[in-house]
Amino acid sequence: MADLTVHVGTVGGAFASLVVGAGDIASVDGSLRADVLSRLIEQGADDGDTVWIWRAGMPSLHDLDLAWMSAAVLAFGTHGRVLRGCYAITWTGWLDIRSGDIRVWKRLRV
């Protein structure tokens, strides 16, 4: 398993992020995920309303995606804010975790 990076903020704008090392991913429970996201909300842009997770693998729904989205809903709710987007990004595409929409691409090797 590879590292996972979680970002909170505005895509293409201001955001805060944290890298979770591959060896630590299994030990991060729901409470810790919510605490991490809450802190990232406090550090990110005031109007940032999106969470995106950069992870290894395919852009298909994963238990880990749902776990981070659940924590994001809790953290945003705690701050009185609405989570407007939650995505998983991989080398081959992205997944809208809330709707299940997937976009894939092929990386050109030069």
PDB file of N, CA and C in Angstrom:
ATOM      1  N   MET A   1       0.853  -1.178   0.000  1.00  0.00           N
ATOM      2  CA  MET A   1       0.000   0.000   0.000  1.00  0.00           C
ATOM      3  C   MET A   1       0.898   1.241   0.000  1.00  0.00           C
ATOM      4  N   ALA A   2       0.449   2.274  -0.664  1.00  0.00           N
ATOM      5  CA  ALA A   2       1.200   3.533  -0.762  1.00  0.00           C
ATOM      6  C   ALA A   2       0.614   4.575   0.182  1.00  0.00           C
ATOM      7  N   ASP A   3       1.325   5.666   0.337  1.00  0.00           N
ATOM      8  CA  ASP A   3       0.835   6.778   1.164  1.00  0.00           C
ATOM      9  C   ASP A   3      -0.485   7.299   0.624  1.00  0.00           C
ATOM     10  N   LEU A   4      -1.233   7.949   1.486  1.00  0.00           N
ATOM     11  CA  LEU A   4      -2.502   8.579   1.137  1.00  0.00           C
ATOM     12  C   LEU A   4      -2.385  10.046   1.543  1.00  0.00           C
ATOM     13  N   THR A   5      -2.841  10.950   0.692  1.00  0.00           N
ATOM     14  CA  THR A   5      -2.846  12.364   1.040  1.00  0.00           C
ATOM     15  C   THR A   5      -4.281  12.860   1.025  1.00  0.00           C
ATOM     16  N   VAL A   6      -4.683  13.537   2.073  1.00  0.00           N
ATOM     17  CA  VAL A   6      -6.025  14.099   2.138  1.00  0.00           C
ATOM     18  C   VAL A   6      -5.907  15.618   2.101  1.00  0.00           C
ATOM     19  N   HIS A   7      -6.762  16.236   1.283  1.00  0.00           N
ATOM     20  CA  HIS A   7      -6.769  17.688   1.095  1.00  0.00           C
ATOM     21  C   HIS A   7      -8.153  18.232   1.455  1.00  0.00           C
ATOM     22  N   VAL A   8      -8.182  19.409   2.040  1.00  0.00           N
ATOM     23  CA  VAL A   8      -9.436  20.098   2.333  1.00  0.00           C
ATOM     24  C   VAL A   8      -9.292  21.531   1.858  1.00  0.00           C
ATOM     25  N   GLY A   9     -10.259  21.996   1.103  1.00  0.00           N
ATOM     26  CA  GLY A   9     -10.210  23.382   0.638  1.00  0.00           C
ATOM     27  C   GLY A   9     -10.940  23.556  -0.664  1.00  0.00           C
ATOM     28  N   THR A  10     -10.332  24.343  -1.546  1.00  0.00           N
ATOM     29  CA  THR A  10     -10.906  24.651  -2.842  1.00  0.00           C
ATOM     30  C   THR A  10     -10.001  24.065  -3.917  1.00  0.00           C
ATOM     31  N   VAL A  11     -10.560  23.236  -4.785  1.00  0.00           N
ATOM     32  CA  VAL A  11      -9.771  22.666  -5.865  1.00  0.00           C
ATOM     33  C   VAL A  11      -9.271  23.805  -6.748  1.00  0.00           C
ATOM     34  N   GLY A  12      -7.976  23.857  -6.969  1.00  0.00           N
ATOM     35  CA  GLY A  12      -7.388  24.928  -7.765  1.00  0.00           C
ATOM     36  C   GLY A  12      -7.186  26.212  -6.986  1.00  0.00           C
ATOM     37  N   GLY A  13      -7.484  26.192  -5.694  1.00  0.00           N
ATOM     38  CA  GLY A  13      -7.330  27.369  -4.840  1.00  0.00           C
ATOM     39  C   GLY A  13      -6.606  27.010  -3.556  1.00  0.00           C
ATOM     40  N   ALA A  14      -6.973  27.678  -2.497  1.00  0.00           N
ATOM     41  CA  ALA A  14      -6.338  27.446  -1.197  1.00  0.00           C
ATOM     42  C   ALA A  14      -6.833  26.132  -0.586  1.00  0.00           C
ATOM     43  N   PHE A  15      -5.899  25.385  -0.010  1.00  0.00           N
ATOM     44  CA  PHE A  15      -6.261  24.136   0.654  1.00  0.00           C
ATOM     45  C   PHE A  15      -5.196  23.795   1.685  1.00  0.00           C
ATOM     46  N   ALA A  16      -5.554  22.879   2.578  1.00  0.00           N
ATOM     47  CA  ALA A  16      -4.623  22.324   3.567  1.00  0.00           C
ATOM     48  C   ALA A  16      -4.578  20.819   3.319  1.00  0.00           C
ATOM     49  N   SER A  17      -3.447  20.190   3.603  1.00  0.00           N
ATOM     50  CA  SER A  17      -3.351  18.759   3.341  1.00  0.00           C
ATOM     51  C   SER A  17      -2.488  18.057   4.382  1.00  0.00           C
ATOM     52  N   LEU A  18      -2.621  16.748   4.413  1.00  0.00           N
ATOM     53  CA  LEU A  18      -1.851  15.907   5.319  1.00  0.00           C
ATOM     54  C   LEU A  18      -1.565  14.582   4.616  1.00  0.00           C
ATOM     55  N   VAL A  19      -0.339  14.105   4.745  1.00  0.00           N
ATOM     56  CA  VAL A  19       0.042  12.808   4.195  1.00  0.00           C
ATOM     57  C   VAL A  19      -0.047  11.773   5.313  1.00  0.00           C
ATOM     58  N   VAL A  20      -0.751  10.685   5.036  1.00  0.00           N
ATOM     59  CA  VAL A  20      -0.820   9.553   5.958  1.00  0.00           C
ATOM     60  C   VAL A  20       0.075   8.479   5.358  1.00  0.00           C
ATOM     61  N   GLY A  21       1.130   8.128   6.072  1.00  0.00           N
ATOM     62  CA  GLY A  21       2.075   7.126   5.586  1.00  0.00           C
ATOM     63  C   GLY A  21       1.428   5.776   5.387  1.00  0.00           C
ATOM     64  N   ALA A  22       1.930   5.036   4.420  1.00  0.00           N
ATOM     65  CA  ALA A  22       1.364   3.721   4.094  1.00  0.00           C
ATOM     66  C   ALA A  22       1.268   2.820   5.318  1.00  0.00           C
ATOM     67  N   GLY A  23       2.260   2.858   6.182  1.00  0.00           N
ATOM     68  CA  GLY A  23       2.265   2.015   7.370  1.00  0.00           C
ATOM     69  C   GLY A  23       1.274   2.452   8.440  1.00  0.00           C
ATOM     70  N   ASP A  24       0.779   3.676   8.333  1.00  0.00           N
ATOM     71  CA  ASP A  24      -0.144   4.212   9.339  1.00  0.00           C
ATOM     72  C   ASP A  24      -1.607   4.153   8.922  1.00  0.00           C
ATOM     73  N   ILE A  25      -1.880   3.898   7.663  1.00  0.00           N
ATOM     74  CA  ILE A  25      -3.257   3.956   7.160  1.00  0.00           C
ATOM     75  C   ILE A  25      -4.186   3.030   7.937  1.00  0.00           C
ATOM     76  N   ALA A  26      -3.750   1.807   8.203  1.00  0.00           N
ATOM     77  CA  ALA A  26      -4.603   0.839   8.896  1.00  0.00           C
ATOM     78  C   ALA A  26      -4.909   1.243  10.334  1.00  0.00           C
ATOM     79  N   SER A  27      -4.054   2.042  10.955  1.00  0.00           N
ATOM     80  CA  SER A  27      -4.264   2.421  12.356  1.00  0.00           C
ATOM     81  C   SER A  27      -5.052   3.714  12.524  1.00  0.00           C
ATOM     82  N   VAL A  28      -5.415   4.359  11.436  1.00  0.00           N
ATOM     83  CA  VAL A  28      -6.190   5.601  11.507  1.00  0.00           C
ATOM     84  C   VAL A  28      -7.671   5.225  11.555  1.00  0.00           C
ATOM     85  N   ASP A  29      -8.293   5.411  12.726  1.00  0.00           N
ATOM     86  CA  ASP A  29      -9.700   5.056  12.881  1.00  0.00           C
ATOM     87  C   ASP A  29     -10.598   6.257  12.564  1.00  0.00           C
ATOM     88  N   GLY A  30     -11.900   6.063  12.671  1.00  0.00           N
ATOM     89  CA  GLY A  30     -12.867   7.092  12.325  1.00  0.00           C
ATOM     90  C   GLY A  30     -12.716   8.374  13.133  1.00  0.00           C
ATOM     91  N   SER A  31     -12.449   8.252  14.405  1.00  0.00           N
ATOM     92  CA  SER A  31     -12.283   9.434  15.254  1.00  0.00           C
ATOM     93  C   SER A  31     -11.057  10.244  14.851  1.00  0.00           C
ATOM     94  N   LEU A  32      -9.966   9.551  14.572  1.00  0.00           N
ATOM     95  CA  LEU A  32      -8.753  10.246  14.154  1.00  0.00           C
ATOM     96  C   LEU A  32      -8.940  10.899  12.782  1.00  0.00           C
ATOM     97  N   ARG A  33      -9.624  10.196  11.865  1.00  0.00           N
ATOM     98  CA  ARG A  33      -9.909  10.804  10.560  1.00  0.00           C
ATOM     99  C   ARG A  33     -10.713  12.085  10.732  1.00  0.00           C
ATOM    100  N   ALA A  34     -11.737  12.057  11.577  1.00  0.00           N
ATOM    101  CA  ALA A  34     -12.556  13.249  11.809  1.00  0.00           C
ATOM    102  C   ALA A  34     -11.729  14.371  12.437  1.00  0.00           C
ATOM    103  N   ASP A  35     -10.857  14.033  13.380  1.00  0.00           N
ATOM    104  CA  ASP A  35      -9.990  15.044  14.009  1.00  0.00           C
ATOM    105  C   ASP A  35      -9.032  15.659  12.991  1.00  0.00           C
ATOM    106  N   VAL A  36      -8.444  14.823  12.146  1.00  0.00           N
ATOM    107  CA  VAL A  36      -7.526  15.314  11.112  1.00  0.00           C
ATOM    108  C   VAL A  36      -8.263  16.257  10.173  1.00  0.00           C
ATOM    109  N   LEU A  37      -9.428  15.849   9.711  1.00  0.00           N
ATOM    110  CA  LEU A  37     -10.187  16.687   8.783  1.00  0.00           C
ATOM    111  C   LEU A  37     -10.647  17.977   9.442  1.00  0.00           C
ATOM    112  N   SER A  38     -11.021  17.910  10.702  1.00  0.00           N
ATOM    113  CA  SER A  38     -11.418  19.117  11.425  1.00  0.00           C
ATOM    114  C   SER A  38     -10.268  20.117  11.474  1.00  0.00           C
ATOM    115  N   ARG A  39      -9.082  19.616  11.750  1.00  0.00           N
ATOM    116  CA  ARG A  39      -7.899  20.494  11.792  1.00  0.00           C
ATOM    117  C   ARG A  39      -7.590  21.062  10.410  1.00  0.00           C
ATOM    118  N   LEU A  40      -7.731  20.240   9.375  1.00  0.00           N
ATOM    119  CA  LEU A  40      -7.495  20.729   8.015  1.00  0.00           C
ATOM    120  C   LEU A  40      -8.528  21.786   7.615  1.00  0.00           C
ATOM    121  N   ILE A  41      -9.759  21.625   8.071  1.00  0.00           N
ATOM    122  CA  ILE A  41     -10.787  22.642   7.810  1.00  0.00           C
ATOM    123  C   ILE A  41     -10.362  23.960   8.445  1.00  0.00           C
ATOM    124  N   GLU A  42      -9.852  23.890   9.667  1.00  0.00           N
ATOM    125  CA  GLU A  42      -9.407  25.101  10.365  1.00  0.00           C
ATOM    126  C   GLU A  42      -8.222  25.754   9.665  1.00  0.00           C
ATOM    127  N   GLN A  43      -7.358  24.960   9.040  1.00  0.00           N
ATOM    128  CA  GLN A  43      -6.176  25.494   8.366  1.00  0.00           C
ATOM    129  C   GLN A  43      -6.450  25.926   6.935  1.00  0.00           C
ATOM    130  N   GLY A  44      -7.474  25.339   6.303  1.00  0.00           N
ATOM    131  CA  GLY A  44      -7.739  25.590   4.886  1.00  0.00           C
ATOM    132  C   GLY A  44      -8.433  26.917   4.649  1.00  0.00           C
ATOM    133  N   ALA A  45      -8.812  27.109   3.420  1.00  0.00           N
ATOM    134  CA  ALA A  45      -9.508  28.334   3.040  1.00  0.00           C
ATOM    135  C   ALA A  45     -10.856  28.397   3.741  1.00  0.00           C
ATOM    136  N   ASP A  46     -11.264  29.597   4.117  1.00  0.00           N
ATOM    137  CA  ASP A  46     -12.536  29.777   4.814  1.00  0.00           C
ATOM    138  C   ASP A  46     -13.732  29.276   4.009  1.00  0.00           C
ATOM    139  N   ASP A  47     -13.654  29.418   2.695  1.00  0.00           N
ATOM    140  CA  ASP A  47     -14.784  28.998   1.868  1.00  0.00           C
ATOM    141  C   ASP A  47     -14.557  27.639   1.201  1.00  0.00           C
ATOM    142  N   GLY A  48     -13.471  26.961   1.549  1.00  0.00           N
ATOM    143  CA  GLY A  48     -13.189  25.644   0.963  1.00  0.00           C
ATOM    144  C   GLY A  48     -14.218  24.631   1.419  1.00  0.00           C
ATOM    145  N   ASP A  49     -14.805  23.935   0.479  1.00  0.00           N
ATOM    146  CA  ASP A  49     -15.908  23.035   0.810  1.00  0.00           C
ATOM    147  C   ASP A  49     -15.736  21.640   0.212  1.00  0.00           C
ATOM    148  N   THR A  50     -14.500  21.297  -0.140  1.00  0.00           N
ATOM    149  CA  THR A  50     -14.254  20.040  -0.822  1.00  0.00           C
ATOM    150  C   THR A  50     -13.142  19.253  -0.137  1.00  0.00           C
ATOM    151  N   VAL A  51     -13.293  17.932  -0.138  1.00  0.00           N
ATOM    152  CA  VAL A  51     -12.250  17.023   0.350  1.00  0.00           C
ATOM    153  C   VAL A  51     -11.855  16.157  -0.830  1.00  0.00           C
ATOM    154  N   TRP A  52     -10.558  16.031  -1.048  1.00  0.00           N
ATOM    155  CA  TRP A  52     -10.102  15.080  -2.051  1.00  0.00           C
ATOM    156  C   TRP A  52      -8.935  14.283  -1.492  1.00  0.00           C
ATOM    157  N   ILE A  53      -8.962  13.007  -1.837  1.00  0.00           N
ATOM    158  CA  ILE A  53      -7.991  12.045  -1.319  1.00  0.00           C
ATOM    159  C   ILE A  53      -7.152  11.555  -2.494  1.00  0.00           C
ATOM    160  N   TRP A  54      -5.857  11.701  -2.377  1.00  0.00           N
ATOM    161  CA  TRP A  54      -4.943  11.171  -3.388  1.00  0.00           C
ATOM    162  C   TRP A  54      -4.462   9.836  -2.863  1.00  0.00           C
ATOM    163  N   ARG A  55      -4.763   8.759  -3.602  1.00  0.00           N
ATOM    164  CA  ARG A  55      -4.397   7.430  -3.137  1.00  0.00           C
ATOM    165  C   ARG A  55      -3.977   6.549  -4.302  1.00  0.00           C
ATOM    166  N   ALA A  56      -3.371   5.428  -3.972  1.00  0.00           N
ATOM    167  CA  ALA A  56      -2.981   4.442  -4.975  1.00  0.00           C
ATOM    168  C   ALA A  56      -4.210   3.647  -5.401  1.00  0.00           C
ATOM    169  N   GLY A  57      -4.070   2.922  -6.486  1.00  0.00           N
ATOM    170  CA  GLY A  57      -5.129   2.031  -6.929  1.00  0.00           C
ATOM    171  C   GLY A  57      -5.946   2.600  -8.067  1.00  0.00           C
ATOM    172  N   MET A  58      -7.061   1.981  -8.286  1.00  0.00           N
ATOM    173  CA  MET A  58      -7.965   2.365  -9.367  1.00  0.00           C
ATOM    174  C   MET A  58      -9.013   3.341  -8.846  1.00  0.00           C
ATOM    175  N   PRO A  59      -9.595   4.143  -9.725  1.00  0.00           N
ATOM    176  CA  PRO A  59     -10.644   5.065  -9.295  1.00  0.00           C
ATOM    177  C   PRO A  59     -11.999   4.365  -9.174  1.00  0.00           C
ATOM    178  N   SER A  60     -12.052   3.380  -8.299  1.00  0.00           N
ATOM    179  CA  SER A  60     -13.301   2.681  -8.012  1.00  0.00           C
ATOM    180  C   SER A  60     -13.547   2.779  -6.509  1.00  0.00           C
ATOM    181  N   LEU A  61     -14.807   2.653  -6.118  1.00  0.00           N
ATOM    182  CA  LEU A  61     -15.168   2.850  -4.719  1.00  0.00           C
ATOM    183  C   LEU A  61     -14.448   1.852  -3.819  1.00  0.00           C
ATOM    184  N   HIS A  62     -13.915   2.363  -2.740  1.00  0.00           N
ATOM    185  CA  HIS A  62     -13.063   1.619  -1.824  1.00  0.00           C
ATOM    186  C   HIS A  62     -13.576   1.887  -0.411  1.00  0.00           C
ATOM    187  N   ASP A  63     -13.471   0.931   0.491  1.00  0.00           N
ATOM    188  CA  ASP A  63     -13.905   1.145   1.876  1.00  0.00           C
ATOM    189  C   ASP A  63     -13.225   2.365   2.491  1.00  0.00           C
ATOM    190  N   LEU A  64     -11.970   2.565   2.152  1.00  0.00           N
ATOM    191  CA  LEU A  64     -11.207   3.700   2.668  1.00  0.00           C
ATOM    192  C   LEU A  64     -11.820   5.031   2.225  1.00  0.00           C
ATOM    193  N   ASP A  65     -12.318   5.094   0.992  1.00  0.00           N
ATOM    194  CA  ASP A  65     -12.976   6.305   0.487  1.00  0.00           C
ATOM    195  C   ASP A  65     -14.210   6.630   1.332  1.00  0.00           C
ATOM    196  N   LEU A  66     -15.007   5.604   1.593  1.00  0.00           N
ATOM    197  CA  LEU A  66     -16.223   5.810   2.389  1.00  0.00           C
ATOM    198  C   LEU A  66     -15.891   6.223   3.818  1.00  0.00           C
ATOM    199  N   ALA A  67     -14.824   5.652   4.371  1.00  0.00           N
ATOM    200  CA  ALA A  67     -14.418   6.002   5.735  1.00  0.00           C
ATOM    201  C   ALA A  67     -14.011   7.474   5.817  1.00  0.00           C
ATOM    202  N   TRP A  68     -13.231   7.957   4.832  1.00  0.00           N
ATOM    203  CA  TRP A  68     -12.825   9.368   4.837  1.00  0.00           C
ATOM    204  C   TRP A  68     -14.005  10.288   4.560  1.00  0.00           C
ATOM    205  N   MET A  69     -14.928   9.871   3.681  1.00  0.00           N
ATOM    206  CA  MET A  69     -16.096  10.712   3.413  1.00  0.00           C
ATOM    207  C   MET A  69     -16.973  10.831   4.656  1.00  0.00           C
ATOM    208  N   SER A  70     -17.174   9.740   5.357  1.00  0.00           N
ATOM    209  CA  SER A  70     -17.960   9.762   6.584  1.00  0.00           C
ATOM    210  C   SER A  70     -17.348  10.724   7.602  1.00  0.00           C
ATOM    211  N   ALA A  71     -16.035  10.656   7.755  1.00  0.00           N
ATOM    212  CA  ALA A  71     -15.339  11.565   8.676  1.00  0.00           C
ATOM    213  C   ALA A  71     -15.445  13.004   8.200  1.00  0.00           C
ATOM    214  N   ALA A  72     -15.427  13.216   6.878  1.00  0.00           N
ATOM    215  CA  ALA A  72     -15.540  14.573   6.323  1.00  0.00           C
ATOM    216  C   ALA A  72     -16.911  15.170   6.619  1.00  0.00           C
ATOM    217  N   VAL A  73     -17.953  14.378   6.456  1.00  0.00           N
ATOM    218  CA  VAL A  73     -19.307  14.857   6.760  1.00  0.00           C
ATOM    219  C   VAL A  73     -19.402  15.262   8.233  1.00  0.00           C
ATOM    220  N   LEU A  74     -18.846  14.442   9.114  1.00  0.00           N
ATOM    221  CA  LEU A  74     -18.851  14.745  10.549  1.00  0.00           C
ATOM    222  C   LEU A  74     -18.052  16.012  10.848  1.00  0.00           C
ATOM    223  N   ALA A  75     -16.845  16.117  10.284  1.00  0.00           N
ATOM    224  CA  ALA A  75     -15.987  17.279  10.556  1.00  0.00           C
ATOM    225  C   ALA A  75     -16.600  18.565  10.018  1.00  0.00           C
ATOM    226  N   PHE A  76     -17.123  18.534   8.811  1.00  0.00           N
ATOM    227  CA  PHE A  76     -17.749  19.735   8.255  1.00  0.00           C
ATOM    228  C   PHE A  76     -18.981  20.114   9.069  1.00  0.00           C
ATOM    229  N   GLY A  77     -19.770  19.124   9.477  1.00  0.00           N
ATOM    230  CA  GLY A  77     -20.948  19.398  10.300  1.00  0.00           C
ATOM    231  C   GLY A  77     -20.581  20.014  11.635  1.00  0.00           C
ATOM    232  N   THR A  78     -19.500  19.541  12.234  1.00  0.00           N
ATOM    233  CA  THR A  78     -19.016  20.092  13.504  1.00  0.00           C
ATOM    234  C   THR A  78     -18.669  21.569  13.364  1.00  0.00           C
ATOM    235  N   HIS A  79     -18.173  21.941  12.188  1.00  0.00           N
ATOM    236  CA  HIS A  79     -17.811  23.341  11.928  1.00  0.00           C
ATOM    237  C   HIS A  79     -18.975  24.142  11.347  1.00  0.00           C
ATOM    238  N   GLY A  80     -20.147  23.525  11.262  1.00  0.00           N
ATOM    239  CA  GLY A  80     -21.320  24.228  10.738  1.00  0.00           C
ATOM    240  C   GLY A  80     -21.219  24.523   9.251  1.00  0.00           C
ATOM    241  N   ARG A  81     -20.496  23.665   8.537  1.00  0.00           N
ATOM    242  CA  ARG A  81     -20.300  23.871   7.100  1.00  0.00           C
ATOM    243  C   ARG A  81     -20.822  22.674   6.321  1.00  0.00           C
ATOM    244  N   VAL A  82     -21.099  22.891   5.051  1.00  0.00           N
ATOM    245  CA  VAL A  82     -21.612  21.834   4.184  1.00  0.00           C
ATOM    246  C   VAL A  82     -20.481  21.297   3.314  1.00  0.00           C
ATOM    247  N   LEU A  83     -20.333  19.992   3.294  1.00  0.00           N
ATOM    248  CA  LEU A  83     -19.362  19.341   2.413  1.00  0.00           C
ATOM    249  C   LEU A  83     -19.985  19.276   1.027  1.00  0.00           C
ATOM    250  N   ARG A  84     -19.398  19.972   0.071  1.00  0.00           N
ATOM    251  CA  ARG A  84     -19.973  20.041  -1.280  1.00  0.00           C
ATOM    252  C   ARG A  84     -19.368  19.021  -2.241  1.00  0.00           C
ATOM    253  N   GLY A  85     -18.169  18.523  -1.942  1.00  0.00           N
ATOM    254  CA  GLY A  85     -17.550  17.546  -2.823  1.00  0.00           C
ATOM    255  C   GLY A  85     -16.581  16.663  -2.065  1.00  0.00           C
ATOM    256  N   CYS A  86     -16.527  15.399  -2.465  1.00  0.00           N
ATOM    257  CA  CYS A  86     -15.596  14.454  -1.843  1.00  0.00           C
ATOM    258  C   CYS A  86     -15.129  13.484  -2.934  1.00  0.00           C
ATOM    259  N   TYR A  87     -13.840  13.528  -3.229  1.00  0.00           N
ATOM    260  CA  TYR A  87     -13.293  12.799  -4.364  1.00  0.00           C
ATOM    261  C   TYR A  87     -12.098  11.935  -3.972  1.00  0.00           C
ATOM    262  N   ALA A  88     -11.922  10.843  -4.699  1.00  0.00           N
ATOM    263  CA  ALA A  88     -10.714  10.026  -4.609  1.00  0.00           C
ATOM    264  C   ALA A  88      -9.989  10.191  -5.943  1.00  0.00           C
ATOM    265  N   ILE A  89      -8.723  10.577  -5.880  1.00  0.00           N
ATOM    266  CA  ILE A  89      -7.924  10.815  -7.073  1.00  0.00           C
ATOM    267  C   ILE A  89      -6.823   9.750  -7.132  1.00  0.00           C
ATOM    268  N   THR A  90      -6.632   9.157  -8.305  1.00  0.00           N
ATOM    269  CA  THR A  90      -5.568   8.174  -8.505  1.00  0.00           C
ATOM    270  C   THR A  90      -4.776   8.558  -9.757  1.00  0.00           C
ATOM    271  N   TRP A  91      -3.780   7.771 -10.077  1.00  0.00           N
ATOM    272  CA  TRP A  91      -2.980   8.043 -11.284  1.00  0.00           C
ATOM    273  C   TRP A  91      -3.789   7.850 -12.554  1.00  0.00           C
ATOM    274  N   THR A  92      -4.857   7.070 -12.480  1.00  0.00           N
ATOM    275  CA  THR A  92      -5.605   6.750 -13.700  1.00  0.00           C
ATOM    276  C   THR A  92      -6.988   7.378 -13.774  1.00  0.00           C
ATOM    277  N   GLY A  93      -7.362   8.173 -12.783  1.00  0.00           N
ATOM    278  CA  GLY A  93      -8.675   8.805 -12.844  1.00  0.00           C
ATOM    279  C   GLY A  93      -9.119   9.340 -11.499  1.00  0.00           C
ATOM    280  N   TRP A  94     -10.395   9.699 -11.439  1.00  0.00           N
ATOM    281  CA  TRP A  94     -10.955  10.182 -10.185  1.00  0.00           C
ATOM    282  C   TRP A  94     -12.356   9.624 -10.009  1.00  0.00           C
ATOM    283  N   LEU A  95     -12.784   9.625  -8.761  1.00  0.00           N
ATOM    284  CA  LEU A  95     -14.083   9.092  -8.364  1.00  0.00           C
ATOM    285  C   LEU A  95     -14.778  10.114  -7.487  1.00  0.00           C
ATOM    286  N   ASP A  96     -16.010  10.459  -7.832  1.00  0.00           N
ATOM    287  CA  ASP A  96     -16.844  11.271  -6.949  1.00  0.00           C
ATOM    288  C   ASP A  96     -17.437  10.285  -5.942  1.00  0.00           C
ATOM    289  N   ILE A  97     -16.940  10.306  -4.730  1.00  0.00           N
ATOM    290  CA  ILE A  97     -17.326   9.307  -3.736  1.00  0.00           C
ATOM    291  C   ILE A  97     -18.817   9.386  -3.420  1.00  0.00           C
ATOM    292  N   ARG A  98     -19.380  10.581  -3.434  1.00  0.00           N
ATOM    293  CA  ARG A  98     -20.799  10.734  -3.090  1.00  0.00           C
ATOM    294  C   ARG A  98     -21.729  10.204  -4.172  1.00  0.00           C
ATOM    295  N   SER A  99     -21.421  10.460  -5.430  1.00  0.00           N
ATOM    296  CA  SER A  99     -22.336  10.054  -6.507  1.00  0.00           C
ATOM    297  C   SER A  99     -21.921   8.759  -7.195  1.00  0.00           C
ATOM    298  N   GLY A 100     -20.639   8.389  -7.081  1.00  0.00           N
ATOM    299  CA  GLY A 100     -20.144   7.207  -7.760  1.00  0.00           C
ATOM    300  C   GLY A 100     -19.655   7.477  -9.177  1.00  0.00           C
ATOM    301  N   ASP A 101     -19.742   8.724  -9.649  1.00  0.00           N
ATOM    302  CA  ASP A 101     -19.237   9.067 -10.983  1.00  0.00           C
ATOM    303  C   ASP A 101     -17.734   8.832 -11.047  1.00  0.00           C
ATOM    304  N   ILE A 102     -17.291   8.249 -12.146  1.00  0.00           N
ATOM    305  CA  ILE A 102     -15.878   7.939 -12.331  1.00  0.00           C
ATOM    306  C   ILE A 102     -15.409   8.497 -13.666  1.00  0.00           C
ATOM    307  N   ARG A 103     -14.225   9.062 -13.672  1.00  0.00           N
ATOM    308  CA  ARG A 103     -13.567   9.507 -14.902  1.00  0.00           C
ATOM    309  C   ARG A 103     -12.194   8.839 -14.937  1.00  0.00           C
ATOM    310  N   VAL A 104     -11.870   8.229 -16.052  1.00  0.00           N
ATOM    311  CA  VAL A 104     -10.569   7.576 -16.183  1.00  0.00           C
ATOM    312  C   VAL A 104      -9.831   8.136 -17.391  1.00  0.00           C
ATOM    313  N   TRP A 105      -8.517   7.990 -17.379  1.00  0.00           N
ATOM    314  CA  TRP A 105      -7.685   8.440 -18.473  1.00  0.00           C
ATOM    315  C   TRP A 105      -6.470   7.544 -18.574  1.00  0.00           C
ATOM    316  N   LYS A 106      -5.777   7.659 -19.673  1.00  0.00           N
ATOM    317  CA  LYS A 106      -4.522   6.930 -19.850  1.00  0.00           C
ATOM    318  C   LYS A 106      -3.400   7.931 -19.772  1.00  0.00           C
ATOM    319  N   ARG A 107      -2.407   7.626 -18.990  1.00  0.00           N
ATOM    320  CA  ARG A 107      -1.235   8.495 -18.863  1.00  0.00           C
ATOM    321  C   ARG A 107      -0.294   8.215 -20.025  1.00  0.00           C
ATOM    322  N   LEU A 108       0.071   9.253 -20.719  1.00  0.00           N
ATOM    323  CA  LEU A 108       1.019   9.113 -21.814  1.00  0.00           C
ATOM    324  C   LEU A 108       2.425   9.036 -21.257  1.00  0.00           C
ATOM    325  N   ARG A 109       3.186   8.100 -21.729  1.00  0.00           N
ATOM    326  CA  ARG A 109       4.578   7.956 -21.319  1.00  0.00           C
ATOM    327  C   ARG A 109       5.449   8.508 -22.429  1.00  0.00           C
ATOM    328  N   VAL A 110       6.259   9.477 -22.102  1.00  0.00           N
ATOM    329  CA  VAL A 110       7.113  10.092 -23.113  1.00  0.00           C
ATOM    330  C   VAL A 110       8.559   9.753 -22.847  1.00  0.00           C
TER     331      VAL A 110
END
